[in-house]
N, C-alpha and C. Protein backbone atom coordinates (compact mmCIF):
# COMPACT_ATOMS: atom_id res chain seq x y z
N MET A 1 0.86 -1.16 0.00
CA MET A 1 0.02 0.00 0.01
C MET A 1 0.90 1.22 0.02
N ASP A 2 0.52 2.22 -0.78
CA ASP A 2 1.28 3.47 -0.77
C ASP A 2 1.14 4.04 0.65
N PRO A 3 2.15 4.85 1.06
CA PRO A 3 2.13 5.36 2.42
C PRO A 3 0.86 6.20 2.70
N VAL A 4 0.32 6.04 3.88
CA VAL A 4 -0.80 6.89 4.37
C VAL A 4 -0.24 7.75 5.49
N THR A 5 -0.49 9.06 5.33
CA THR A 5 0.04 10.03 6.31
C THR A 5 -1.09 10.79 6.95
N VAL A 6 -1.08 10.88 8.26
CA VAL A 6 -2.05 11.71 9.03
C VAL A 6 -1.22 12.59 9.96
N SER A 7 -1.73 13.79 10.20
CA SER A 7 -0.99 14.70 11.09
C SER A 7 -1.97 15.57 11.83
N ILE A 8 -1.44 16.13 12.93
CA ILE A 8 -2.24 17.00 13.81
C ILE A 8 -1.28 17.90 14.59
N VAL A 9 -1.77 19.05 15.00
CA VAL A 9 -0.99 19.92 15.89
C VAL A 9 -1.48 19.76 17.30
N VAL A 10 -0.54 19.51 18.22
CA VAL A 10 -0.85 19.30 19.61
C VAL A 10 -0.29 20.43 20.40
N SER A 11 -1.08 21.03 21.28
CA SER A 11 -0.63 22.13 22.12
C SER A 11 0.17 21.59 23.31
N ALA A 12 1.30 21.05 23.06
CA ALA A 12 2.20 20.54 24.09
C ALA A 12 3.61 20.56 23.54
N PRO A 13 4.57 20.74 24.43
CA PRO A 13 5.96 20.75 23.96
C PRO A 13 6.38 19.45 23.28
N ARG A 14 7.29 19.56 22.32
CA ARG A 14 7.70 18.40 21.55
C ARG A 14 8.28 17.32 22.44
N GLU A 15 9.02 17.64 23.48
CA GLU A 15 9.63 16.67 24.36
C GLU A 15 8.56 15.88 25.13
N GLN A 16 7.50 16.57 25.52
CA GLN A 16 6.39 15.86 26.23
C GLN A 16 5.68 14.92 25.30
N VAL A 17 5.43 15.32 24.07
CA VAL A 17 4.78 14.42 23.11
C VAL A 17 5.69 13.22 22.80
N PHE A 18 6.99 13.48 22.62
CA PHE A 18 7.92 12.40 22.38
C PHE A 18 7.98 11.42 23.52
N ASP A 19 8.07 11.92 24.73
CA ASP A 19 8.10 11.04 25.93
C ASP A 19 6.87 10.13 25.98
N TYR A 20 5.70 10.66 25.62
CA TYR A 20 4.47 9.88 25.60
C TYR A 20 4.53 8.81 24.53
N LEU A 21 4.97 9.18 23.30
CA LEU A 21 4.94 8.28 22.19
C LEU A 21 6.05 7.17 22.28
N GLN A 22 7.15 7.50 22.89
CA GLN A 22 8.24 6.50 22.95
C GLN A 22 7.92 5.32 23.90
N ASP A 23 6.86 5.43 24.68
CA ASP A 23 6.38 4.36 25.51
C ASP A 23 5.24 3.63 24.79
N ILE A 24 5.52 2.49 24.23
CA ILE A 24 4.50 1.78 23.40
C ILE A 24 3.32 1.34 24.24
N ALA A 25 3.47 1.29 25.55
CA ALA A 25 2.36 0.93 26.41
C ALA A 25 1.28 2.02 26.41
N ASN A 26 1.60 3.21 25.98
CA ASN A 26 0.62 4.32 25.87
C ASN A 26 -0.22 4.22 24.60
N HIS A 27 0.25 3.54 23.58
CA HIS A 27 -0.43 3.55 22.29
C HIS A 27 -1.83 2.99 22.26
N PRO A 28 -2.15 1.98 23.11
CA PRO A 28 -3.58 1.57 23.12
C PRO A 28 -4.55 2.66 23.54
N GLU A 29 -4.08 3.62 24.33
CA GLU A 29 -4.99 4.71 24.76
C GLU A 29 -5.55 5.50 23.61
N PHE A 30 -4.78 5.67 22.52
CA PHE A 30 -5.32 6.46 21.41
C PHE A 30 -5.59 5.64 20.15
N THR A 31 -5.28 4.34 20.15
CA THR A 31 -5.55 3.51 18.97
C THR A 31 -6.52 2.36 19.24
N ASP A 32 -7.05 2.23 20.45
CA ASP A 32 -7.87 1.06 20.77
C ASP A 32 -9.22 1.04 20.07
N HIS A 33 -9.55 1.98 19.25
CA HIS A 33 -10.74 1.96 18.47
C HIS A 33 -10.59 1.04 17.24
N TYR A 34 -9.34 0.70 16.86
CA TYR A 34 -9.12 -0.20 15.79
C TYR A 34 -7.96 -1.17 15.98
N LEU A 35 -7.15 -0.95 16.99
CA LEU A 35 -6.06 -1.88 17.36
C LEU A 35 -6.38 -2.35 18.79
N VAL A 36 -6.64 -3.69 18.95
CA VAL A 36 -7.09 -4.21 20.20
C VAL A 36 -6.24 -5.40 20.65
N ASP A 37 -6.51 -5.83 21.89
CA ASP A 37 -5.80 -7.00 22.45
C ASP A 37 -4.29 -6.86 22.45
N TRP A 38 -3.84 -5.73 22.96
CA TRP A 38 -2.43 -5.41 22.97
C TRP A 38 -1.65 -6.28 24.00
N HIS A 39 -0.47 -6.73 23.58
CA HIS A 39 0.45 -7.48 24.40
C HIS A 39 1.84 -6.97 24.17
N LEU A 40 2.52 -6.52 25.20
CA LEU A 40 3.89 -6.05 25.04
C LEU A 40 4.84 -7.23 24.79
N THR A 41 5.87 -7.00 24.02
CA THR A 41 6.78 -8.11 23.71
C THR A 41 7.97 -8.16 24.63
N ARG A 42 8.12 -7.14 25.51
CA ARG A 42 9.15 -7.14 26.51
C ARG A 42 8.67 -6.28 27.69
N ILE A 43 9.33 -6.44 28.82
CA ILE A 43 8.90 -5.72 30.01
C ILE A 43 9.14 -4.19 29.87
N ASP A 44 10.29 -3.77 29.33
CA ASP A 44 10.59 -2.38 29.15
C ASP A 44 9.89 -1.90 27.88
N SER A 45 8.87 -1.06 28.06
CA SER A 45 8.05 -0.60 26.96
C SER A 45 8.50 0.73 26.37
N VAL A 46 9.68 1.21 26.78
CA VAL A 46 10.15 2.51 26.35
C VAL A 46 11.43 2.39 25.49
N GLY A 47 11.42 3.14 24.41
CA GLY A 47 12.64 3.28 23.57
C GLY A 47 12.83 2.17 22.56
N ALA A 48 14.02 2.24 21.94
CA ALA A 48 14.36 1.27 20.86
C ALA A 48 14.25 -0.15 21.38
N GLY A 49 13.66 -1.03 20.58
CA GLY A 49 13.47 -2.42 20.95
C GLY A 49 12.13 -2.72 21.59
N ALA A 50 11.45 -1.68 22.05
CA ALA A 50 10.11 -1.90 22.70
C ALA A 50 9.17 -2.32 21.57
N GLY A 51 8.25 -3.23 21.89
CA GLY A 51 7.34 -3.73 20.90
C GLY A 51 6.05 -4.21 21.48
N ALA A 52 5.12 -4.48 20.58
CA ALA A 52 3.81 -5.03 21.00
C ALA A 52 3.17 -5.82 19.89
N ARG A 53 2.27 -6.68 20.28
CA ARG A 53 1.48 -7.46 19.35
C ARG A 53 0.02 -7.13 19.63
N PHE A 54 -0.79 -7.02 18.58
CA PHE A 54 -2.18 -6.62 18.72
C PHE A 54 -2.98 -7.12 17.53
N ARG A 55 -4.30 -7.01 17.66
CA ARG A 55 -5.18 -7.33 16.53
C ARG A 55 -5.69 -6.04 15.86
N VAL A 56 -5.80 -6.14 14.55
CA VAL A 56 -6.34 -5.01 13.76
C VAL A 56 -7.81 -5.32 13.45
N LYS A 57 -8.73 -4.44 13.94
CA LYS A 57 -10.17 -4.65 13.69
C LYS A 57 -10.60 -4.05 12.35
N ALA A 58 -10.13 -4.66 11.25
CA ALA A 58 -10.49 -4.20 9.93
C ALA A 58 -11.58 -5.09 9.37
N PRO A 59 -12.53 -4.53 8.62
CA PRO A 59 -13.60 -5.31 8.04
C PRO A 59 -13.06 -6.40 7.11
N GLY A 60 -13.48 -7.62 7.28
CA GLY A 60 -13.11 -8.72 6.43
C GLY A 60 -11.65 -9.21 6.63
N ASN A 61 -11.02 -8.79 7.72
CA ASN A 61 -9.63 -9.15 7.95
C ASN A 61 -9.60 -10.50 8.65
N ARG A 62 -9.19 -11.55 7.89
CA ARG A 62 -9.13 -12.88 8.47
C ARG A 62 -7.91 -13.12 9.30
N PHE A 63 -6.81 -12.44 8.94
CA PHE A 63 -5.53 -12.62 9.63
C PHE A 63 -5.18 -11.30 10.29
N SER A 64 -5.76 -11.10 11.49
CA SER A 64 -5.82 -9.81 12.10
C SER A 64 -4.62 -9.48 13.02
N TRP A 65 -3.79 -10.43 13.37
CA TRP A 65 -2.73 -10.13 14.32
C TRP A 65 -1.60 -9.39 13.61
N ALA A 66 -1.02 -8.45 14.33
CA ALA A 66 0.12 -7.67 13.81
C ALA A 66 1.10 -7.39 14.98
N ASP A 67 2.33 -7.09 14.65
CA ASP A 67 3.28 -6.71 15.68
C ASP A 67 4.14 -5.61 15.18
N VAL A 68 4.62 -4.77 16.09
CA VAL A 68 5.53 -3.67 15.79
C VAL A 68 6.62 -3.61 16.85
N THR A 69 7.76 -3.13 16.42
CA THR A 69 8.90 -2.90 17.32
C THR A 69 9.52 -1.55 16.97
N PHE A 70 9.84 -0.78 17.96
CA PHE A 70 10.54 0.51 17.72
C PHE A 70 11.96 0.20 17.25
N ALA A 71 12.25 0.53 16.01
CA ALA A 71 13.58 0.28 15.42
C ALA A 71 14.54 1.49 15.63
N GLU A 72 13.95 2.69 15.53
CA GLU A 72 14.76 3.89 15.76
C GLU A 72 13.97 4.81 16.65
N VAL A 73 14.65 5.40 17.61
CA VAL A 73 14.05 6.39 18.54
C VAL A 73 15.05 7.53 18.61
N GLU A 74 14.77 8.59 17.88
CA GLU A 74 15.66 9.77 17.84
C GLU A 74 15.01 10.89 18.56
N ARG A 75 15.45 11.11 19.79
CA ARG A 75 14.89 12.15 20.60
C ARG A 75 15.22 13.55 20.08
N PRO A 76 14.30 14.46 20.03
CA PRO A 76 12.85 14.39 20.34
C PRO A 76 12.03 14.45 19.08
N HIS A 77 12.53 13.95 17.96
CA HIS A 77 11.81 14.26 16.70
C HIS A 77 11.36 13.08 15.85
N ARG A 78 11.75 11.83 16.17
CA ARG A 78 11.37 10.73 15.26
C ARG A 78 11.38 9.42 15.97
N ILE A 79 10.31 8.64 15.67
CA ILE A 79 10.19 7.25 16.13
C ILE A 79 9.82 6.42 14.93
N VAL A 80 10.61 5.37 14.66
CA VAL A 80 10.32 4.46 13.55
C VAL A 80 9.96 3.10 14.12
N GLU A 81 8.82 2.56 13.70
CA GLU A 81 8.43 1.24 14.13
C GLU A 81 8.31 0.36 12.87
N VAL A 82 8.86 -0.85 13.02
CA VAL A 82 8.77 -1.84 11.96
C VAL A 82 7.98 -3.02 12.44
N GLY A 83 7.29 -3.71 11.56
CA GLY A 83 6.50 -4.83 12.03
C GLY A 83 6.04 -5.70 10.89
N ARG A 84 5.12 -6.60 11.23
CA ARG A 84 4.58 -7.51 10.27
C ARG A 84 3.13 -7.79 10.60
N THR A 85 2.36 -8.14 9.57
CA THR A 85 0.94 -8.47 9.73
C THR A 85 0.50 -9.44 8.65
N GLY A 86 -0.75 -9.81 8.64
CA GLY A 86 -1.28 -10.64 7.57
C GLY A 86 -1.03 -12.11 7.76
N LYS A 87 -1.40 -12.85 6.76
CA LYS A 87 -1.23 -14.30 6.82
C LYS A 87 0.24 -14.66 6.96
N ASN A 88 0.57 -15.47 7.93
CA ASN A 88 1.96 -15.90 8.18
C ASN A 88 2.89 -14.70 8.40
N ASN A 89 2.36 -13.56 8.82
CA ASN A 89 3.16 -12.35 9.05
C ASN A 89 4.01 -11.97 7.82
N ARG A 90 3.43 -12.11 6.63
CA ARG A 90 4.25 -11.89 5.43
C ARG A 90 4.19 -10.44 4.93
N ILE A 91 3.29 -9.64 5.47
CA ILE A 91 3.19 -8.26 5.07
C ILE A 91 4.03 -7.40 5.99
N ARG A 92 5.09 -6.76 5.48
CA ARG A 92 5.91 -5.92 6.31
C ARG A 92 5.25 -4.56 6.48
N THR A 93 5.44 -3.93 7.64
CA THR A 93 4.91 -2.61 7.90
C THR A 93 6.02 -1.67 8.36
N LEU A 94 5.88 -0.42 8.04
CA LEU A 94 6.79 0.63 8.48
C LEU A 94 5.96 1.82 8.93
N GLY A 95 6.08 2.19 10.15
CA GLY A 95 5.36 3.37 10.68
C GLY A 95 6.37 4.37 11.19
N VAL A 96 6.15 5.66 10.88
CA VAL A 96 7.10 6.69 11.32
C VAL A 96 6.29 7.83 11.97
N TYR A 97 6.68 8.14 13.22
CA TYR A 97 6.17 9.35 13.91
C TYR A 97 7.23 10.44 13.73
N ASP A 98 6.86 11.55 13.07
CA ASP A 98 7.72 12.69 12.95
C ASP A 98 7.14 13.80 13.83
N LEU A 99 7.94 14.39 14.70
CA LEU A 99 7.50 15.48 15.55
C LEU A 99 8.31 16.73 15.17
N ALA A 100 7.55 17.77 14.85
CA ALA A 100 8.18 19.06 14.49
C ALA A 100 7.62 20.17 15.34
N PRO A 101 8.45 21.17 15.64
CA PRO A 101 7.95 22.30 16.41
C PRO A 101 6.91 23.06 15.58
N ALA A 102 5.90 23.57 16.22
CA ALA A 102 4.89 24.38 15.58
C ALA A 102 4.75 25.69 16.37
N ALA A 103 3.86 26.54 15.93
CA ALA A 103 3.68 27.85 16.54
C ALA A 103 3.34 27.76 18.02
N ALA A 104 3.78 28.78 18.80
CA ALA A 104 3.42 28.95 20.20
C ALA A 104 3.71 27.72 21.10
N GLY A 105 4.83 27.09 20.83
CA GLY A 105 5.25 25.99 21.67
C GLY A 105 4.49 24.66 21.45
N SER A 106 3.72 24.59 20.36
CA SER A 106 2.98 23.37 20.09
C SER A 106 3.85 22.43 19.19
N THR A 107 3.30 21.27 18.92
CA THR A 107 4.06 20.24 18.16
C THR A 107 3.19 19.69 17.03
N ARG A 108 3.76 19.60 15.84
CA ARG A 108 3.06 18.91 14.74
C ARG A 108 3.50 17.42 14.77
N VAL A 109 2.51 16.56 14.96
CA VAL A 109 2.73 15.13 14.95
C VAL A 109 2.27 14.59 13.60
N ARG A 110 3.17 13.95 12.92
CA ARG A 110 2.84 13.32 11.60
C ARG A 110 3.17 11.85 11.68
N PHE A 111 2.19 10.99 11.40
CA PHE A 111 2.37 9.55 11.40
C PHE A 111 2.18 9.03 9.96
N THR A 112 3.14 8.27 9.50
CA THR A 112 3.10 7.69 8.16
C THR A 112 3.20 6.20 8.30
N LEU A 113 2.24 5.48 7.63
CA LEU A 113 2.22 4.01 7.68
C LEU A 113 2.34 3.51 6.25
N GLU A 114 3.27 2.58 6.05
CA GLU A 114 3.45 1.95 4.73
C GLU A 114 3.47 0.46 4.94
N THR A 115 2.80 -0.28 4.07
CA THR A 115 2.85 -1.74 4.11
C THR A 115 3.40 -2.23 2.80
N VAL A 116 4.04 -3.41 2.87
CA VAL A 116 4.64 -4.03 1.72
C VAL A 116 4.05 -5.41 1.52
N PRO A 117 2.96 -5.50 0.79
CA PRO A 117 2.37 -6.83 0.56
C PRO A 117 3.23 -7.67 -0.37
N VAL A 118 3.27 -8.96 -0.09
CA VAL A 118 4.17 -9.87 -0.82
C VAL A 118 3.48 -10.48 -2.02
N THR A 119 2.26 -11.00 -1.83
CA THR A 119 1.62 -11.72 -2.89
C THR A 119 0.59 -10.88 -3.60
N LEU A 120 0.15 -11.34 -4.76
CA LEU A 120 -0.87 -10.65 -5.53
C LEU A 120 -2.15 -10.59 -4.71
N SER A 121 -2.50 -11.67 -4.03
CA SER A 121 -3.74 -11.67 -3.24
C SER A 121 -3.68 -10.59 -2.12
N ASP A 122 -2.49 -10.44 -1.51
CA ASP A 122 -2.35 -9.41 -0.47
C ASP A 122 -2.54 -8.03 -1.09
N ARG A 123 -1.97 -7.81 -2.26
CA ARG A 123 -2.09 -6.48 -2.92
C ARG A 123 -3.53 -6.22 -3.32
N LEU A 124 -4.27 -7.22 -3.78
CA LEU A 124 -5.65 -7.05 -4.15
C LEU A 124 -6.54 -6.73 -2.95
N LEU A 125 -6.30 -7.44 -1.84
CA LEU A 125 -7.03 -7.15 -0.65
C LEU A 125 -6.82 -5.74 -0.11
N GLU A 126 -5.56 -5.28 -0.20
CA GLU A 126 -5.28 -3.91 0.23
C GLU A 126 -5.88 -2.87 -0.67
N GLY A 127 -6.03 -3.26 -1.94
CA GLY A 127 -6.61 -2.31 -2.91
C GLY A 127 -8.12 -2.11 -2.73
N LEU A 128 -8.76 -2.89 -1.90
CA LEU A 128 -10.23 -2.81 -1.73
C LEU A 128 -10.57 -1.88 -0.52
N GLY A 129 -9.99 -0.70 -0.52
CA GLY A 129 -10.42 0.27 0.47
C GLY A 129 -9.49 0.39 1.68
N ALA A 130 -8.37 -0.29 1.72
CA ALA A 130 -7.51 -0.27 2.86
C ALA A 130 -6.93 1.12 3.14
N ARG A 131 -6.56 1.85 2.10
CA ARG A 131 -6.00 3.21 2.29
C ARG A 131 -6.99 4.13 2.97
N ALA A 132 -8.22 4.18 2.47
CA ALA A 132 -9.21 5.05 3.07
C ALA A 132 -9.54 4.68 4.50
N TRP A 133 -9.68 3.36 4.75
CA TRP A 133 -9.96 2.89 6.11
C TRP A 133 -8.80 3.25 7.05
N THR A 134 -7.59 3.00 6.60
CA THR A 134 -6.40 3.33 7.43
C THR A 134 -6.29 4.82 7.68
N ARG A 135 -6.58 5.64 6.71
CA ARG A 135 -6.56 7.09 6.92
C ARG A 135 -7.59 7.54 7.91
N ARG A 136 -8.83 7.03 7.83
CA ARG A 136 -9.90 7.39 8.79
C ARG A 136 -9.49 6.98 10.23
N LYS A 137 -9.03 5.77 10.39
CA LYS A 137 -8.66 5.31 11.70
C LYS A 137 -7.46 6.07 12.27
N GLY A 138 -6.52 6.38 11.38
CA GLY A 138 -5.34 7.17 11.77
C GLY A 138 -5.69 8.57 12.17
N GLU A 139 -6.61 9.19 11.46
CA GLU A 139 -7.06 10.56 11.82
C GLU A 139 -7.71 10.54 13.21
N ARG A 140 -8.56 9.59 13.41
CA ARG A 140 -9.23 9.51 14.74
C ARG A 140 -8.20 9.27 15.85
N ALA A 141 -7.22 8.47 15.58
CA ALA A 141 -6.18 8.25 16.57
C ALA A 141 -5.39 9.54 16.89
N MET A 142 -5.16 10.35 15.88
CA MET A 142 -4.48 11.62 16.07
C MET A 142 -5.31 12.56 16.95
N TYR A 143 -6.64 12.62 16.69
CA TYR A 143 -7.53 13.42 17.54
C TYR A 143 -7.53 12.96 19.00
N ARG A 144 -7.53 11.64 19.15
CA ARG A 144 -7.51 11.10 20.51
C ARG A 144 -6.15 11.35 21.20
N LEU A 145 -5.06 11.29 20.45
CA LEU A 145 -3.76 11.61 20.97
C LEU A 145 -3.72 13.06 21.45
N ARG A 146 -4.23 13.96 20.65
CA ARG A 146 -4.25 15.36 21.01
C ARG A 146 -5.07 15.57 22.30
N ALA A 147 -6.25 14.90 22.40
CA ALA A 147 -7.05 15.06 23.60
C ALA A 147 -6.33 14.56 24.83
N ILE A 148 -5.62 13.44 24.69
CA ILE A 148 -4.86 12.90 25.85
C ILE A 148 -3.78 13.84 26.30
N LEU A 149 -3.02 14.42 25.33
CA LEU A 149 -1.92 15.23 25.70
C LEU A 149 -2.32 16.62 26.13
N GLU A 150 -3.42 17.19 25.60
CA GLU A 150 -3.85 18.50 25.94
C GLU A 150 -4.77 18.55 27.16
N GLN A 151 -5.62 17.53 27.29
CA GLN A 151 -6.60 17.57 28.38
C GLN A 151 -6.32 16.59 29.49
N GLY A 152 -5.24 15.81 29.35
CA GLY A 152 -4.93 14.86 30.38
C GLY A 152 -5.79 13.63 30.37
N ALA A 153 -6.53 13.40 29.27
CA ALA A 153 -7.33 12.16 29.16
C ALA A 153 -6.37 11.02 29.06
N GLY A 154 -6.65 9.94 29.80
CA GLY A 154 -5.71 8.80 29.78
C GLY A 154 -6.43 7.49 29.88
N ALA A 155 -5.75 6.55 30.47
CA ALA A 155 -6.28 5.19 30.50
C ALA A 155 -7.59 5.09 31.27
N ASP A 156 -7.86 6.06 32.18
CA ASP A 156 -9.11 6.02 32.88
C ASP A 156 -10.30 6.50 32.04
N GLY A 157 -10.02 6.98 30.82
CA GLY A 157 -11.09 7.42 29.94
C GLY A 157 -11.55 8.82 30.15
N ALA A 158 -11.00 9.52 31.12
CA ALA A 158 -11.40 10.91 31.38
C ALA A 158 -11.05 11.76 30.18
N GLY A 159 -11.97 12.52 29.69
CA GLY A 159 -11.75 13.42 28.57
C GLY A 159 -12.11 12.82 27.23
N ASP A 160 -12.47 11.53 27.19
CA ASP A 160 -12.88 10.92 25.92
C ASP A 160 -14.12 11.57 25.35
N GLU A 161 -15.00 12.11 26.19
CA GLU A 161 -16.21 12.72 25.64
C GLU A 161 -15.87 13.91 24.73
N ALA A 162 -14.72 14.47 24.91
CA ALA A 162 -14.30 15.62 24.05
C ALA A 162 -14.09 15.17 22.64
N VAL A 163 -13.73 13.96 22.45
CA VAL A 163 -13.51 13.45 21.07
C VAL A 163 -14.55 12.41 20.65
N GLY A 164 -15.63 12.29 21.43
CA GLY A 164 -16.73 11.43 21.08
C GLY A 164 -16.42 9.93 21.17
N VAL A 165 -15.60 9.55 22.15
CA VAL A 165 -15.22 8.18 22.29
C VAL A 165 -15.90 7.60 23.51
N ALA A 166 -16.56 6.50 23.34
CA ALA A 166 -17.17 5.77 24.48
C ALA A 166 -16.29 4.62 24.85
N ARG A 167 -15.96 4.48 26.14
CA ARG A 167 -15.17 3.36 26.60
C ARG A 167 -16.05 2.45 27.41
N PRO A 168 -16.35 1.25 26.91
CA PRO A 168 -17.20 0.33 27.64
C PRO A 168 -16.58 -0.19 28.94
N GLY A 169 -15.26 -0.26 29.00
CA GLY A 169 -14.60 -0.74 30.19
C GLY A 169 -13.16 -0.36 30.13
N SER A 170 -12.41 -0.74 31.11
CA SER A 170 -11.00 -0.37 31.09
C SER A 170 -10.25 -1.21 30.09
N ARG A 171 -9.18 -0.67 29.53
CA ARG A 171 -8.34 -1.37 28.58
C ARG A 171 -7.13 -1.88 29.32
N ARG A 172 -6.60 -2.99 28.84
CA ARG A 172 -5.49 -3.60 29.56
C ARG A 172 -4.43 -3.99 28.55
N VAL A 173 -3.19 -3.73 28.86
CA VAL A 173 -2.06 -4.17 28.09
C VAL A 173 -1.31 -5.20 28.89
N THR A 174 -1.00 -6.31 28.29
CA THR A 174 -0.29 -7.36 29.03
C THR A 174 1.12 -7.50 28.47
N VAL A 175 2.00 -8.00 29.30
CA VAL A 175 3.38 -8.26 28.88
C VAL A 175 3.46 -9.75 28.56
N ALA A 176 4.10 -10.05 27.39
CA ALA A 176 4.25 -11.43 26.99
C ALA A 176 4.97 -12.21 28.08
N GLY A 177 4.40 -13.33 28.46
CA GLY A 177 4.97 -14.14 29.51
C GLY A 177 4.69 -13.65 30.91
N GLY A 178 3.85 -12.58 31.04
CA GLY A 178 3.63 -12.04 32.35
C GLY A 178 2.20 -11.94 32.73
């Protein structure tokens, strides 16, 4: 799939946004509307090497498990995550968070996701609306990220009403083997 990029301006210092994003255990808070059943792949969830496995709630997705690992963490401006998804984990993924200073001490957060399907069937399935679906879910995740960082909404769900998110119960992240 061609890269899908979503971005938003957050009224928070770049270092604060970076500190939040470099801890992969925080990611379910703003992505759990389409990425669920998170499991950390190591105890230390911060920085290079931190990773997680989760399910992607996409329509018609038979092979929904995916995993990502932070490959590069360049303070305070870039986080690169690499991963795999799909049948037999054959689809490679590359996600990049770029953080740039914006006006009045705010931060522009840009997330780019690229997938590399291996087989013709994988490419055909991605061609059936995957870009538009990924962009919609990514935009909502960016709005939720902004609400968390600006209003202090977090794992307890406080502040979700500002972005129209209903949380039926608490979310839980588990550590593999723990």
